[in-house]
Amino acid sequence: MFPLFDDKLFECDIPGPTKQEIRAIVLSKMKIFPGCRILEVGTGTGAVTSDLERLGCYVISLDQNEYITDAPGRKFTRYADYIQALSPWFASRSVVFDSIFIGGSEHVEETITLAYDLIKRDGVIVINAFSLDTLTRASRALEVTFGNYDVIQVTVSKAEKLGKHRSFIARNPVFIFFTLPKLETLFLPLVFLLSVDPLEQFCPYL
């Protein structure tokens, strides 16, 4: 499992990647096991998707931007499915995801509602918030949708060589939300759809 993929492998013109240290914490909050199904909203460079597949997860990664076709993470994944789509318009025929990771979305409230609808009864939802706007909107939407959640604030400093010395350079602080579905969803019956092709369970609208 460790070490995770190096950040340098994902450096490109696409915003990101989610730093290795942050990815380690994000993964620790998710429900991960061989063969688990993960929905990621906000592909970015594909760093998180790459780590998840390496751990034996089947990942569907959504991003509304065209650069999803050039995500460096595609080079390190064989089975993950990358879909260019707006998260509010993504639909699934059954509740199939063990964990949902929201790494970035302009449609914060709608994406949290989507996650609520698609998560398994014992699944976990993890959200990264980098901006004050996302922090505020995510906390309000989680309060309304789930009623209960946890959040941690992480700040990482990394030593970089400056002249003859090494100094610690602080990276942007990240707020990581993680939650479980509301209590009433724990008792809802699950609908299982048998299909040879896992993609047949999904109906993305571009």
N, C-alpha and C. Protein backbone atom coordinates (compact mmCIF):
# COMPACT_ATOMS: atom_id res chain seq x y z
N MET A 1 0.82 -1.20 0.00
CA MET A 1 0.00 0.00 0.00
C MET A 1 0.85 1.25 0.00
N PHE A 2 1.82 1.31 0.87
CA PHE A 2 2.65 2.49 0.96
C PHE A 2 4.07 2.17 0.49
N PRO A 3 4.81 3.12 -0.07
CA PRO A 3 4.37 4.51 -0.25
C PRO A 3 3.38 4.65 -1.40
N LEU A 4 2.58 5.71 -1.34
CA LEU A 4 1.66 6.01 -2.42
C LEU A 4 2.44 6.59 -3.60
N PHE A 5 1.78 6.73 -4.73
CA PHE A 5 2.44 7.28 -5.91
C PHE A 5 3.01 8.66 -5.59
N ASP A 6 4.20 8.91 -6.12
CA ASP A 6 4.88 10.18 -5.90
C ASP A 6 4.15 11.31 -6.63
N ASP A 7 4.11 12.48 -6.00
CA ASP A 7 3.43 13.63 -6.58
C ASP A 7 3.99 14.01 -7.95
N LYS A 8 5.28 13.82 -8.14
CA LYS A 8 5.92 14.24 -9.38
C LYS A 8 5.38 13.51 -10.60
N LEU A 9 4.82 12.32 -10.39
CA LEU A 9 4.27 11.55 -11.50
C LEU A 9 3.02 12.20 -12.09
N PHE A 10 2.42 13.11 -11.34
CA PHE A 10 1.16 13.71 -11.77
C PHE A 10 1.28 15.19 -12.08
N GLU A 11 2.50 15.72 -12.09
CA GLU A 11 2.68 17.13 -12.38
C GLU A 11 2.41 17.41 -13.86
N CYS A 12 1.51 18.36 -14.11
CA CYS A 12 1.13 18.72 -15.47
C CYS A 12 0.36 20.04 -15.40
N ASP A 13 -0.31 20.39 -16.49
CA ASP A 13 -1.05 21.65 -16.53
C ASP A 13 -2.40 21.54 -15.83
N ILE A 14 -2.81 20.33 -15.47
CA ILE A 14 -4.08 20.13 -14.77
C ILE A 14 -3.90 20.51 -13.30
N PRO A 15 -4.84 21.22 -12.71
CA PRO A 15 -4.73 21.58 -11.28
C PRO A 15 -4.54 20.35 -10.40
N GLY A 16 -3.64 20.48 -9.43
CA GLY A 16 -3.36 19.35 -8.54
C GLY A 16 -1.89 18.99 -8.62
N PRO A 17 -1.52 17.79 -8.21
CA PRO A 17 -2.39 16.74 -7.69
C PRO A 17 -2.68 16.92 -6.19
N THR A 18 -3.63 16.11 -5.68
CA THR A 18 -3.80 16.02 -4.24
C THR A 18 -2.51 15.44 -3.68
N LYS A 19 -1.87 16.14 -2.75
CA LYS A 19 -0.55 15.75 -2.29
C LYS A 19 -0.56 14.37 -1.62
N GLN A 20 0.56 13.72 -1.71
CA GLN A 20 0.70 12.35 -1.23
C GLN A 20 0.27 12.21 0.23
N GLU A 21 0.68 13.16 1.06
CA GLU A 21 0.35 13.09 2.49
C GLU A 21 -1.16 13.23 2.72
N ILE A 22 -1.80 14.09 1.93
CA ILE A 22 -3.25 14.27 2.04
C ILE A 22 -3.96 13.02 1.54
N ARG A 23 -3.46 12.44 0.45
CA ARG A 23 -4.07 11.21 -0.07
C ARG A 23 -4.03 10.10 0.96
N ALA A 24 -2.94 10.02 1.71
CA ALA A 24 -2.82 8.97 2.73
C ALA A 24 -3.92 9.10 3.78
N ILE A 25 -4.22 10.34 4.18
CA ILE A 25 -5.27 10.56 5.18
C ILE A 25 -6.64 10.29 4.57
N VAL A 26 -6.85 10.75 3.35
CA VAL A 26 -8.13 10.52 2.66
C VAL A 26 -8.42 9.02 2.57
N LEU A 27 -7.44 8.25 2.14
CA LEU A 27 -7.63 6.80 2.01
C LEU A 27 -7.92 6.15 3.35
N SER A 28 -7.32 6.68 4.41
CA SER A 28 -7.52 6.09 5.74
C SER A 28 -8.94 6.30 6.24
N LYS A 29 -9.65 7.29 5.68
CA LYS A 29 -11.02 7.58 6.10
C LYS A 29 -12.05 6.83 5.27
N MET A 30 -11.63 6.27 4.14
CA MET A 30 -12.56 5.59 3.24
C MET A 30 -12.68 4.11 3.61
N LYS A 31 -13.76 3.51 3.14
CA LYS A 31 -13.97 2.08 3.33
C LYS A 31 -13.37 1.37 2.12
N ILE A 32 -12.19 0.79 2.32
CA ILE A 32 -11.44 0.20 1.21
C ILE A 32 -11.18 -1.28 1.49
N PHE A 33 -11.45 -2.08 0.49
CA PHE A 33 -11.13 -3.52 0.54
C PHE A 33 -11.07 -4.01 -0.90
N PRO A 34 -10.39 -5.13 -1.17
CA PRO A 34 -10.28 -5.62 -2.54
C PRO A 34 -11.64 -5.82 -3.19
N GLY A 35 -11.81 -5.20 -4.36
CA GLY A 35 -13.06 -5.33 -5.09
C GLY A 35 -14.11 -4.30 -4.73
N CYS A 36 -13.81 -3.39 -3.81
CA CYS A 36 -14.80 -2.38 -3.44
C CYS A 36 -15.04 -1.41 -4.60
N ARG A 37 -16.19 -0.77 -4.58
CA ARG A 37 -16.56 0.17 -5.64
C ARG A 37 -16.48 1.60 -5.10
N ILE A 38 -15.76 2.43 -5.82
CA ILE A 38 -15.54 3.81 -5.39
C ILE A 38 -16.01 4.76 -6.49
N LEU A 39 -16.73 5.80 -6.09
CA LEU A 39 -17.06 6.89 -7.00
C LEU A 39 -16.22 8.09 -6.60
N GLU A 40 -15.49 8.63 -7.56
CA GLU A 40 -14.71 9.84 -7.31
C GLU A 40 -15.30 10.98 -8.14
N VAL A 41 -15.54 12.11 -7.51
CA VAL A 41 -16.03 13.29 -8.21
C VAL A 41 -14.92 14.33 -8.18
N GLY A 42 -14.41 14.65 -9.36
CA GLY A 42 -13.28 15.56 -9.47
C GLY A 42 -12.00 14.80 -9.71
N THR A 43 -11.82 14.32 -10.92
CA THR A 43 -10.66 13.48 -11.26
C THR A 43 -9.35 14.22 -11.07
N GLY A 44 -9.31 15.44 -11.59
CA GLY A 44 -8.05 16.19 -11.55
C GLY A 44 -6.97 15.45 -12.31
N THR A 45 -5.85 15.23 -11.67
CA THR A 45 -4.73 14.54 -12.31
C THR A 45 -4.87 13.03 -12.27
N GLY A 46 -5.83 12.53 -11.47
CA GLY A 46 -6.01 11.08 -11.36
C GLY A 46 -5.15 10.43 -10.30
N ALA A 47 -4.54 11.21 -9.43
CA ALA A 47 -3.66 10.65 -8.40
C ALA A 47 -4.42 9.76 -7.42
N VAL A 48 -5.57 10.24 -6.96
CA VAL A 48 -6.37 9.45 -6.01
C VAL A 48 -6.87 8.17 -6.66
N THR A 49 -7.34 8.28 -7.90
CA THR A 49 -7.80 7.10 -8.63
C THR A 49 -6.69 6.06 -8.75
N SER A 50 -5.49 6.52 -9.04
CA SER A 50 -4.35 5.61 -9.20
C SER A 50 -4.06 4.85 -7.90
N ASP A 51 -4.07 5.57 -6.79
CA ASP A 51 -3.83 4.92 -5.51
C ASP A 51 -4.93 3.93 -5.16
N LEU A 52 -6.18 4.29 -5.45
CA LEU A 52 -7.30 3.42 -5.14
C LEU A 52 -7.25 2.12 -5.94
N GLU A 53 -6.96 2.24 -7.23
CA GLU A 53 -6.88 1.02 -8.03
C GLU A 53 -5.73 0.14 -7.57
N ARG A 54 -4.66 0.75 -7.19
CA ARG A 54 -3.50 0.00 -6.68
C ARG A 54 -3.88 -0.81 -5.44
N LEU A 55 -4.88 -0.33 -4.70
CA LEU A 55 -5.34 -1.02 -3.50
C LEU A 55 -6.43 -2.04 -3.80
N GLY A 56 -6.72 -2.23 -5.09
CA GLY A 56 -7.70 -3.25 -5.47
C GLY A 56 -9.12 -2.75 -5.62
N CYS A 57 -9.30 -1.44 -5.71
CA CYS A 57 -10.65 -0.88 -5.84
C CYS A 57 -11.03 -0.71 -7.31
N TYR A 58 -12.33 -0.83 -7.59
CA TYR A 58 -12.85 -0.47 -8.91
C TYR A 58 -13.37 0.96 -8.79
N VAL A 59 -12.84 1.86 -9.62
CA VAL A 59 -13.13 3.29 -9.48
C VAL A 59 -13.83 3.83 -10.72
N ILE A 60 -14.88 4.58 -10.50
CA ILE A 60 -15.48 5.41 -11.55
C ILE A 60 -15.19 6.85 -11.17
N SER A 61 -14.50 7.54 -12.04
CA SER A 61 -14.05 8.90 -11.75
C SER A 61 -14.71 9.89 -12.70
N LEU A 62 -15.37 10.89 -12.12
CA LEU A 62 -16.08 11.90 -12.91
C LEU A 62 -15.36 13.24 -12.88
N ASP A 63 -15.37 13.91 -14.00
CA ASP A 63 -14.88 15.29 -14.05
C ASP A 63 -15.58 15.99 -15.19
N GLN A 64 -15.98 17.22 -14.97
CA GLN A 64 -16.70 17.95 -16.00
C GLN A 64 -15.78 18.54 -17.05
N ASN A 65 -14.48 18.56 -16.78
CA ASN A 65 -13.53 19.21 -17.68
C ASN A 65 -12.99 18.25 -18.74
N GLU A 66 -12.70 18.80 -19.89
CA GLU A 66 -12.19 17.98 -21.00
C GLU A 66 -10.82 17.39 -20.72
N TYR A 67 -10.06 18.01 -19.81
CA TYR A 67 -8.72 17.51 -19.55
C TYR A 67 -8.72 16.14 -18.86
N ILE A 68 -9.90 15.62 -18.53
CA ILE A 68 -9.95 14.29 -17.95
C ILE A 68 -9.35 13.26 -18.90
N THR A 69 -9.41 13.55 -20.20
CA THR A 69 -8.84 12.62 -21.18
C THR A 69 -7.32 12.60 -21.13
N ASP A 70 -6.71 13.62 -20.54
CA ASP A 70 -5.25 13.71 -20.46
C ASP A 70 -4.73 13.53 -19.04
N ALA A 71 -5.57 13.10 -18.13
CA ALA A 71 -5.13 12.93 -16.74
C ALA A 71 -3.98 11.95 -16.66
N PRO A 72 -2.85 12.33 -16.03
CA PRO A 72 -1.69 11.44 -15.92
C PRO A 72 -2.04 10.10 -15.26
N GLY A 73 -3.04 10.10 -14.39
CA GLY A 73 -3.41 8.88 -13.70
C GLY A 73 -3.84 7.76 -14.62
N ARG A 74 -4.25 8.09 -15.83
CA ARG A 74 -4.65 7.07 -16.80
C ARG A 74 -3.49 6.11 -17.10
N LYS A 75 -2.28 6.60 -16.99
CA LYS A 75 -1.11 5.75 -17.28
C LYS A 75 -0.90 4.69 -16.21
N PHE A 76 -1.45 4.91 -15.03
CA PHE A 76 -1.22 4.01 -13.91
C PHE A 76 -2.45 3.17 -13.55
N THR A 77 -3.50 3.29 -14.36
CA THR A 77 -4.72 2.53 -14.09
C THR A 77 -5.12 1.73 -15.32
N ARG A 78 -5.66 0.54 -15.09
CA ARG A 78 -6.12 -0.32 -16.18
C ARG A 78 -7.63 -0.52 -16.17
N TYR A 79 -8.22 -0.51 -15.00
CA TYR A 79 -9.62 -0.88 -14.87
C TYR A 79 -10.53 0.28 -14.47
N ALA A 80 -9.97 1.39 -14.06
CA ALA A 80 -10.79 2.54 -13.67
C ALA A 80 -11.49 3.11 -14.90
N ASP A 81 -12.68 3.63 -14.70
CA ASP A 81 -13.44 4.26 -15.78
C ASP A 81 -13.50 5.76 -15.54
N TYR A 82 -13.03 6.52 -16.53
CA TYR A 82 -13.03 7.97 -16.45
C TYR A 82 -14.17 8.50 -17.31
N ILE A 83 -15.04 9.31 -16.72
CA ILE A 83 -16.22 9.79 -17.42
C ILE A 83 -16.29 11.30 -17.31
N GLN A 84 -16.38 11.97 -18.46
CA GLN A 84 -16.57 13.42 -18.45
C GLN A 84 -18.05 13.69 -18.30
N ALA A 85 -18.44 14.21 -17.16
CA ALA A 85 -19.85 14.45 -16.88
C ALA A 85 -19.99 15.41 -15.71
N LEU A 86 -21.09 16.13 -15.69
CA LEU A 86 -21.44 16.95 -14.53
C LEU A 86 -22.02 16.03 -13.47
N SER A 87 -21.50 16.10 -12.27
CA SER A 87 -21.93 15.18 -11.23
C SER A 87 -23.45 15.21 -10.96
N PRO A 88 -24.12 16.37 -11.01
CA PRO A 88 -25.57 16.35 -10.74
C PRO A 88 -26.35 15.55 -11.78
N TRP A 89 -25.77 15.32 -12.96
CA TRP A 89 -26.47 14.61 -14.02
C TRP A 89 -26.06 13.15 -14.11
N PHE A 90 -25.20 12.73 -13.22
CA PHE A 90 -24.78 11.32 -13.21
C PHE A 90 -25.82 10.52 -12.45
N ALA A 91 -26.21 9.35 -13.01
CA ALA A 91 -27.23 8.53 -12.36
C ALA A 91 -26.81 7.07 -12.35
N SER A 92 -27.25 6.36 -11.34
CA SER A 92 -26.97 4.94 -11.22
C SER A 92 -28.27 4.20 -11.00
N ARG A 93 -28.36 2.99 -11.51
CA ARG A 93 -29.60 2.21 -11.37
C ARG A 93 -29.73 1.55 -10.00
N SER A 94 -28.66 1.51 -9.25
CA SER A 94 -28.73 0.88 -7.93
C SER A 94 -27.69 1.52 -7.02
N VAL A 95 -27.83 1.33 -5.73
CA VAL A 95 -26.88 1.84 -4.75
C VAL A 95 -25.69 0.89 -4.75
N VAL A 96 -24.57 1.33 -5.28
CA VAL A 96 -23.48 0.39 -5.50
C VAL A 96 -22.14 0.78 -4.90
N PHE A 97 -22.00 1.98 -4.37
CA PHE A 97 -20.67 2.44 -3.99
C PHE A 97 -20.40 2.24 -2.50
N ASP A 98 -19.21 1.68 -2.22
CA ASP A 98 -18.78 1.47 -0.84
C ASP A 98 -18.24 2.76 -0.24
N SER A 99 -17.62 3.58 -1.08
CA SER A 99 -17.11 4.89 -0.65
C SER A 99 -17.27 5.87 -1.80
N ILE A 100 -17.44 7.12 -1.45
CA ILE A 100 -17.50 8.19 -2.45
C ILE A 100 -16.55 9.28 -2.00
N PHE A 101 -15.65 9.68 -2.92
CA PHE A 101 -14.69 10.74 -2.62
C PHE A 101 -14.99 11.94 -3.50
N ILE A 102 -15.20 13.08 -2.86
CA ILE A 102 -15.43 14.33 -3.59
C ILE A 102 -14.18 15.19 -3.43
N GLY A 103 -13.39 15.22 -4.48
CA GLY A 103 -12.13 15.96 -4.43
C GLY A 103 -12.25 17.36 -4.96
N GLY A 104 -13.32 17.61 -5.71
CA GLY A 104 -13.52 18.95 -6.26
C GLY A 104 -14.76 18.99 -7.12
N SER A 105 -15.62 19.97 -6.90
CA SER A 105 -16.83 20.11 -7.69
C SER A 105 -17.38 21.52 -7.53
N GLU A 106 -17.82 22.10 -8.65
CA GLU A 106 -18.47 23.40 -8.58
C GLU A 106 -19.89 23.27 -8.03
N HIS A 107 -20.43 22.05 -8.11
CA HIS A 107 -21.80 21.80 -7.68
C HIS A 107 -21.76 21.04 -6.35
N VAL A 108 -21.30 21.73 -5.32
CA VAL A 108 -21.06 21.07 -4.03
C VAL A 108 -22.33 20.46 -3.45
N GLU A 109 -23.39 21.26 -3.34
CA GLU A 109 -24.63 20.78 -2.73
C GLU A 109 -25.23 19.62 -3.52
N GLU A 110 -25.29 19.76 -4.85
CA GLU A 110 -25.86 18.71 -5.68
C GLU A 110 -25.04 17.43 -5.62
N THR A 111 -23.72 17.57 -5.53
CA THR A 111 -22.85 16.40 -5.47
C THR A 111 -23.01 15.66 -4.15
N ILE A 112 -23.19 16.39 -3.07
CA ILE A 112 -23.42 15.75 -1.77
C ILE A 112 -24.76 15.01 -1.77
N THR A 113 -25.76 15.58 -2.41
CA THR A 113 -27.05 14.90 -2.54
C THR A 113 -26.90 13.63 -3.37
N LEU A 114 -26.13 13.71 -4.45
CA LEU A 114 -25.84 12.54 -5.27
C LEU A 114 -25.17 11.46 -4.45
N ALA A 115 -24.17 11.86 -3.66
CA ALA A 115 -23.45 10.89 -2.83
C ALA A 115 -24.40 10.21 -1.84
N TYR A 116 -25.31 10.99 -1.28
CA TYR A 116 -26.29 10.46 -0.33
C TYR A 116 -27.14 9.37 -0.99
N ASP A 117 -27.50 9.59 -2.25
CA ASP A 117 -28.36 8.66 -2.96
C ASP A 117 -27.63 7.40 -3.42
N LEU A 118 -26.32 7.51 -3.69
CA LEU A 118 -25.59 6.40 -4.30
C LEU A 118 -24.73 5.59 -3.33
N ILE A 119 -24.59 6.04 -2.10
CA ILE A 119 -23.72 5.33 -1.17
C ILE A 119 -24.45 4.10 -0.61
N LYS A 120 -23.71 3.03 -0.35
CA LYS A 120 -24.30 1.87 0.30
C LYS A 120 -24.67 2.22 1.74
N ARG A 121 -25.49 1.39 2.34
CA ARG A 121 -25.99 1.72 3.68
C ARG A 121 -24.88 1.81 4.71
N ASP A 122 -23.76 1.07 4.48
CA ASP A 122 -22.63 1.14 5.42
C ASP A 122 -21.43 1.83 4.78
N GLY A 123 -21.68 2.62 3.73
CA GLY A 123 -20.59 3.28 3.02
C GLY A 123 -20.09 4.53 3.69
N VAL A 124 -19.00 5.07 3.14
CA VAL A 124 -18.34 6.25 3.71
C VAL A 124 -18.18 7.31 2.61
N ILE A 125 -18.42 8.55 2.98
CA ILE A 125 -18.24 9.67 2.06
C ILE A 125 -17.14 10.57 2.61
N VAL A 126 -16.18 10.91 1.76
CA VAL A 126 -15.05 11.76 2.15
C VAL A 126 -15.00 12.95 1.19
N ILE A 127 -14.81 14.13 1.75
CA ILE A 127 -14.78 15.35 0.94
C ILE A 127 -13.55 16.18 1.30
N ASN A 128 -12.83 16.62 0.29
CA ASN A 128 -11.72 17.55 0.49
C ASN A 128 -12.19 18.97 0.19
N ALA A 129 -11.89 19.89 1.08
CA ALA A 129 -12.24 21.29 0.87
C ALA A 129 -10.97 22.13 0.99
N PHE A 130 -10.67 22.87 -0.07
CA PHE A 130 -9.47 23.70 -0.09
C PHE A 130 -9.78 25.19 0.06
N SER A 131 -10.98 25.58 -0.35
CA SER A 131 -11.34 27.00 -0.32
C SER A 131 -12.39 27.27 0.76
N LEU A 132 -12.47 28.53 1.19
CA LEU A 132 -13.46 28.93 2.18
C LEU A 132 -14.87 28.71 1.65
N ASP A 133 -15.06 28.94 0.36
CA ASP A 133 -16.36 28.77 -0.26
C ASP A 133 -16.81 27.31 -0.17
N THR A 134 -15.91 26.40 -0.54
CA THR A 134 -16.24 24.97 -0.48
C THR A 134 -16.44 24.52 0.96
N LEU A 135 -15.62 25.02 1.86
CA LEU A 135 -15.74 24.66 3.28
C LEU A 135 -17.12 25.03 3.82
N THR A 136 -17.56 26.23 3.50
CA THR A 136 -18.87 26.69 4.00
C THR A 136 -20.01 25.91 3.37
N ARG A 137 -19.97 25.76 2.05
CA ARG A 137 -21.06 25.09 1.34
C ARG A 137 -21.13 23.61 1.70
N ALA A 138 -19.97 22.96 1.84
CA ALA A 138 -19.96 21.54 2.18
C ALA A 138 -20.50 21.30 3.58
N SER A 139 -20.10 22.13 4.54
CA SER A 139 -20.56 21.94 5.91
C SER A 139 -22.07 22.14 6.02
N ARG A 140 -22.59 23.14 5.31
CA ARG A 140 -24.04 23.38 5.34
C ARG A 140 -24.80 22.23 4.69
N ALA A 141 -24.32 21.77 3.53
CA ALA A 141 -25.00 20.69 2.82
C ALA A 141 -24.94 19.39 3.60
N LEU A 142 -23.84 19.11 4.25
CA LEU A 142 -23.72 17.89 5.05
C LEU A 142 -24.65 17.94 6.25
N GLU A 143 -24.78 19.12 6.84
CA GLU A 143 -25.66 19.28 7.99
C GLU A 143 -27.11 18.99 7.60
N VAL A 144 -27.50 19.48 6.44
CA VAL A 144 -28.87 19.29 5.97
C VAL A 144 -29.10 17.85 5.52
N THR A 145 -28.13 17.28 4.79
CA THR A 145 -28.32 15.97 4.19
C THR A 145 -28.10 14.83 5.16
N PHE A 146 -27.03 14.93 5.96
CA PHE A 146 -26.66 13.83 6.85
C PHE A 146 -26.94 14.12 8.32
N GLY A 147 -26.84 15.38 8.70
CA GLY A 147 -27.11 15.76 10.07
C GLY A 147 -25.95 15.53 11.02
N ASN A 148 -25.01 14.72 10.61
CA ASN A 148 -23.87 14.43 11.48
C ASN A 148 -22.65 14.11 10.63
N TYR A 149 -21.52 14.72 10.94
CA TYR A 149 -20.30 14.47 10.19
C TYR A 149 -19.11 14.89 11.03
N ASP A 150 -17.94 14.48 10.59
CA ASP A 150 -16.70 14.89 11.23
C ASP A 150 -15.84 15.63 10.22
N VAL A 151 -14.97 16.48 10.69
CA VAL A 151 -14.07 17.20 9.81
C VAL A 151 -12.74 17.42 10.52
N ILE A 152 -11.67 17.26 9.79
CA ILE A 152 -10.34 17.53 10.33
C ILE A 152 -9.66 18.55 9.43
N GLN A 153 -8.77 19.33 10.02
CA GLN A 153 -7.98 20.29 9.23
C GLN A 153 -6.54 19.83 9.24
N VAL A 154 -5.96 19.72 8.03
CA VAL A 154 -4.61 19.19 7.88
C VAL A 154 -3.71 20.23 7.22
N THR A 155 -2.58 20.49 7.83
CA THR A 155 -1.57 21.36 7.24
C THR A 155 -0.25 20.61 7.18
N VAL A 156 0.33 20.56 6.01
CA VAL A 156 1.58 19.83 5.80
C VAL A 156 2.67 20.80 5.38
N SER A 157 3.82 20.70 5.98
CA SER A 157 4.99 21.48 5.57
C SER A 157 6.06 20.52 5.08
N LYS A 158 6.70 20.87 3.99
CA LYS A 158 7.71 20.00 3.40
C LYS A 158 9.03 20.75 3.26
N ALA A 159 10.10 20.08 3.61
CA ALA A 159 11.42 20.71 3.54
C ALA A 159 11.87 20.89 2.09
N GLU A 160 12.30 22.08 1.76
CA GLU A 160 12.82 22.37 0.44
C GLU A 160 14.14 23.12 0.58
N LYS A 161 15.03 22.86 -0.34
CA LYS A 161 16.36 23.47 -0.27
C LYS A 161 16.31 24.91 -0.75
N LEU A 162 16.73 25.80 0.12
CA LEU A 162 16.81 27.22 -0.20
C LEU A 162 18.25 27.66 0.02
N GLY A 163 19.00 27.78 -1.06
CA GLY A 163 20.41 28.10 -0.92
C GLY A 163 21.17 26.94 -0.30
N LYS A 164 21.86 27.21 0.80
CA LYS A 164 22.64 26.17 1.48
C LYS A 164 21.83 25.42 2.53
N HIS A 165 20.62 25.87 2.77
CA HIS A 165 19.84 25.29 3.86
C HIS A 165 18.52 24.72 3.35
N ARG A 166 17.91 23.94 4.20
CA ARG A 166 16.57 23.41 3.92
C ARG A 166 15.59 24.07 4.86
N SER A 167 14.52 24.56 4.31
CA SER A 167 13.48 25.22 5.11
C SER A 167 12.15 24.53 4.86
N PHE A 168 11.29 24.56 5.88
CA PHE A 168 9.97 23.97 5.73
C PHE A 168 9.04 24.97 5.05
N ILE A 169 8.47 24.53 3.94
CA ILE A 169 7.54 25.35 3.19
C ILE A 169 6.13 24.80 3.41
N ALA A 170 5.25 25.64 3.92
CA ALA A 170 3.88 25.21 4.23
C ALA A 170 3.06 25.10 2.95
N ARG A 171 2.28 24.04 2.88
CA ARG A 171 1.34 23.86 1.78
C ARG A 171 -0.04 24.32 2.24
N ASN A 172 -0.92 24.50 1.27
CA ASN A 172 -2.25 24.98 1.61
C ASN A 172 -2.95 24.04 2.59
N PRO A 173 -3.59 24.57 3.61
CA PRO A 173 -4.35 23.72 4.53
C PRO A 173 -5.53 23.08 3.82
N VAL A 174 -5.88 21.88 4.24
CA VAL A 174 -6.99 21.13 3.65
C VAL A 174 -7.95 20.71 4.75
N PHE A 175 -9.23 20.87 4.50
CA PHE A 175 -10.25 20.38 5.41
C PHE A 175 -10.81 19.09 4.83
N ILE A 176 -10.81 18.03 5.62
CA ILE A 176 -11.29 16.73 5.15
C ILE A 176 -12.53 16.35 5.94
N PHE A 177 -13.67 16.30 5.25
CA PHE A 177 -14.94 15.87 5.85
C PHE A 177 -15.08 14.37 5.66
N PHE A 178 -15.66 13.70 6.63
CA PHE A 178 -15.98 12.28 6.43
C PHE A 178 -17.21 11.95 7.25
N THR A 179 -18.07 11.13 6.69
CA THR A 179 -19.36 10.89 7.31
C THR A 179 -19.91 9.54 6.90
N LEU A 180 -20.98 9.12 7.58
CA LEU A 180 -21.75 7.92 7.24
C LEU A 180 -23.16 8.39 6.89
N PRO A 181 -23.91 7.58 6.13
CA PRO A 181 -25.28 7.96 5.81
C PRO A 181 -26.12 8.11 7.06
N LYS A 182 -27.24 8.80 6.93
CA LYS A 182 -28.15 8.95 8.06
C LYS A 182 -28.63 7.60 8.56
N LEU A 183 -29.04 7.56 9.79
CA LEU A 183 -29.42 6.31 10.44
C LEU A 183 -30.52 5.59 9.69
N GLU A 184 -31.50 6.35 9.15
CA GLU A 184 -32.62 5.68 8.51
C GLU A 184 -32.21 4.91 7.26
N THR A 185 -31.10 5.33 6.62
CA THR A 185 -30.67 4.63 5.41
C THR A 185 -30.06 3.28 5.74
N LEU A 186 -29.68 3.06 6.98
CA LEU A 186 -29.08 1.79 7.35
C LEU A 186 -30.07 0.64 7.22
N PHE A 187 -31.36 0.94 7.15
CA PHE A 187 -32.36 -0.11 7.13
C PHE A 187 -33.11 -0.18 5.82
N LEU A 188 -32.69 0.62 4.84
CA LEU A 188 -33.33 0.55 3.55
C LEU A 188 -32.85 -0.68 2.80
N PRO A 189 -33.74 -1.39 2.10
CA PRO A 189 -33.31 -2.58 1.34
C PRO A 189 -32.45 -2.17 0.17
N LEU A 190 -31.48 -2.98 -0.16
CA LEU A 190 -30.60 -2.73 -1.29
C LEU A 190 -31.15 -3.43 -2.52
N VAL A 191 -30.99 -2.83 -3.67
CA VAL A 191 -31.40 -3.44 -4.93
C VAL A 191 -30.14 -3.81 -5.68
N PHE A 192 -29.99 -5.08 -6.00
CA PHE A 192 -28.80 -5.55 -6.68
C PHE A 192 -29.14 -5.79 -8.15
N LEU A 193 -28.29 -5.31 -9.02
CA LEU A 193 -28.46 -5.48 -10.45
C LEU A 193 -27.32 -6.34 -10.97
N LEU A 194 -27.65 -7.54 -11.47
CA LEU A 194 -26.63 -8.44 -11.99
C LEU A 194 -26.33 -8.06 -13.42
N SER A 195 -25.05 -7.91 -13.73
CA SER A 195 -24.64 -7.52 -15.07
C SER A 195 -23.24 -8.02 -15.31
N VAL A 196 -22.97 -8.46 -16.53
CA VAL A 196 -21.62 -8.90 -16.87
C VAL A 196 -20.68 -7.73 -16.92
N ASP A 197 -21.17 -6.61 -17.45
CA ASP A 197 -20.36 -5.40 -17.59
C ASP A 197 -20.76 -4.41 -16.50
N PRO A 198 -19.83 -4.07 -15.58
CA PRO A 198 -20.15 -3.12 -14.50
C PRO A 198 -20.65 -1.79 -15.01
N LEU A 199 -20.18 -1.35 -16.22
CA LEU A 199 -20.56 -0.05 -16.72
C LEU A 199 -22.04 0.02 -17.08
N GLU A 200 -22.69 -1.15 -17.29
CA GLU A 200 -24.09 -1.16 -17.65
C GLU A 200 -24.96 -0.66 -16.49
N GLN A 201 -24.38 -0.56 -15.31
CA GLN A 201 -25.14 -0.10 -14.16
C GLN A 201 -25.22 1.42 -14.09
N PHE A 202 -24.49 2.10 -14.96
CA PHE A 202 -24.41 3.53 -14.84
C PHE A 202 -24.94 4.22 -16.08
N CYS A 203 -25.53 5.39 -15.87
CA CYS A 203 -26.10 6.16 -16.97
C CYS A 203 -25.59 7.59 -16.91
N PRO A 204 -24.36 7.85 -17.34
CA PRO A 204 -23.85 9.21 -17.30
C PRO A 204 -24.46 10.06 -18.42
N TYR A 205 -24.72 11.30 -18.12
CA TYR A 205 -25.22 12.23 -19.12
C TYR A 205 -24.19 13.33 -19.28
N LEU A 206 -23.60 13.39 -20.45
CA LEU A 206 -22.52 14.34 -20.67
C LEU A 206 -23.09 15.73 -20.90
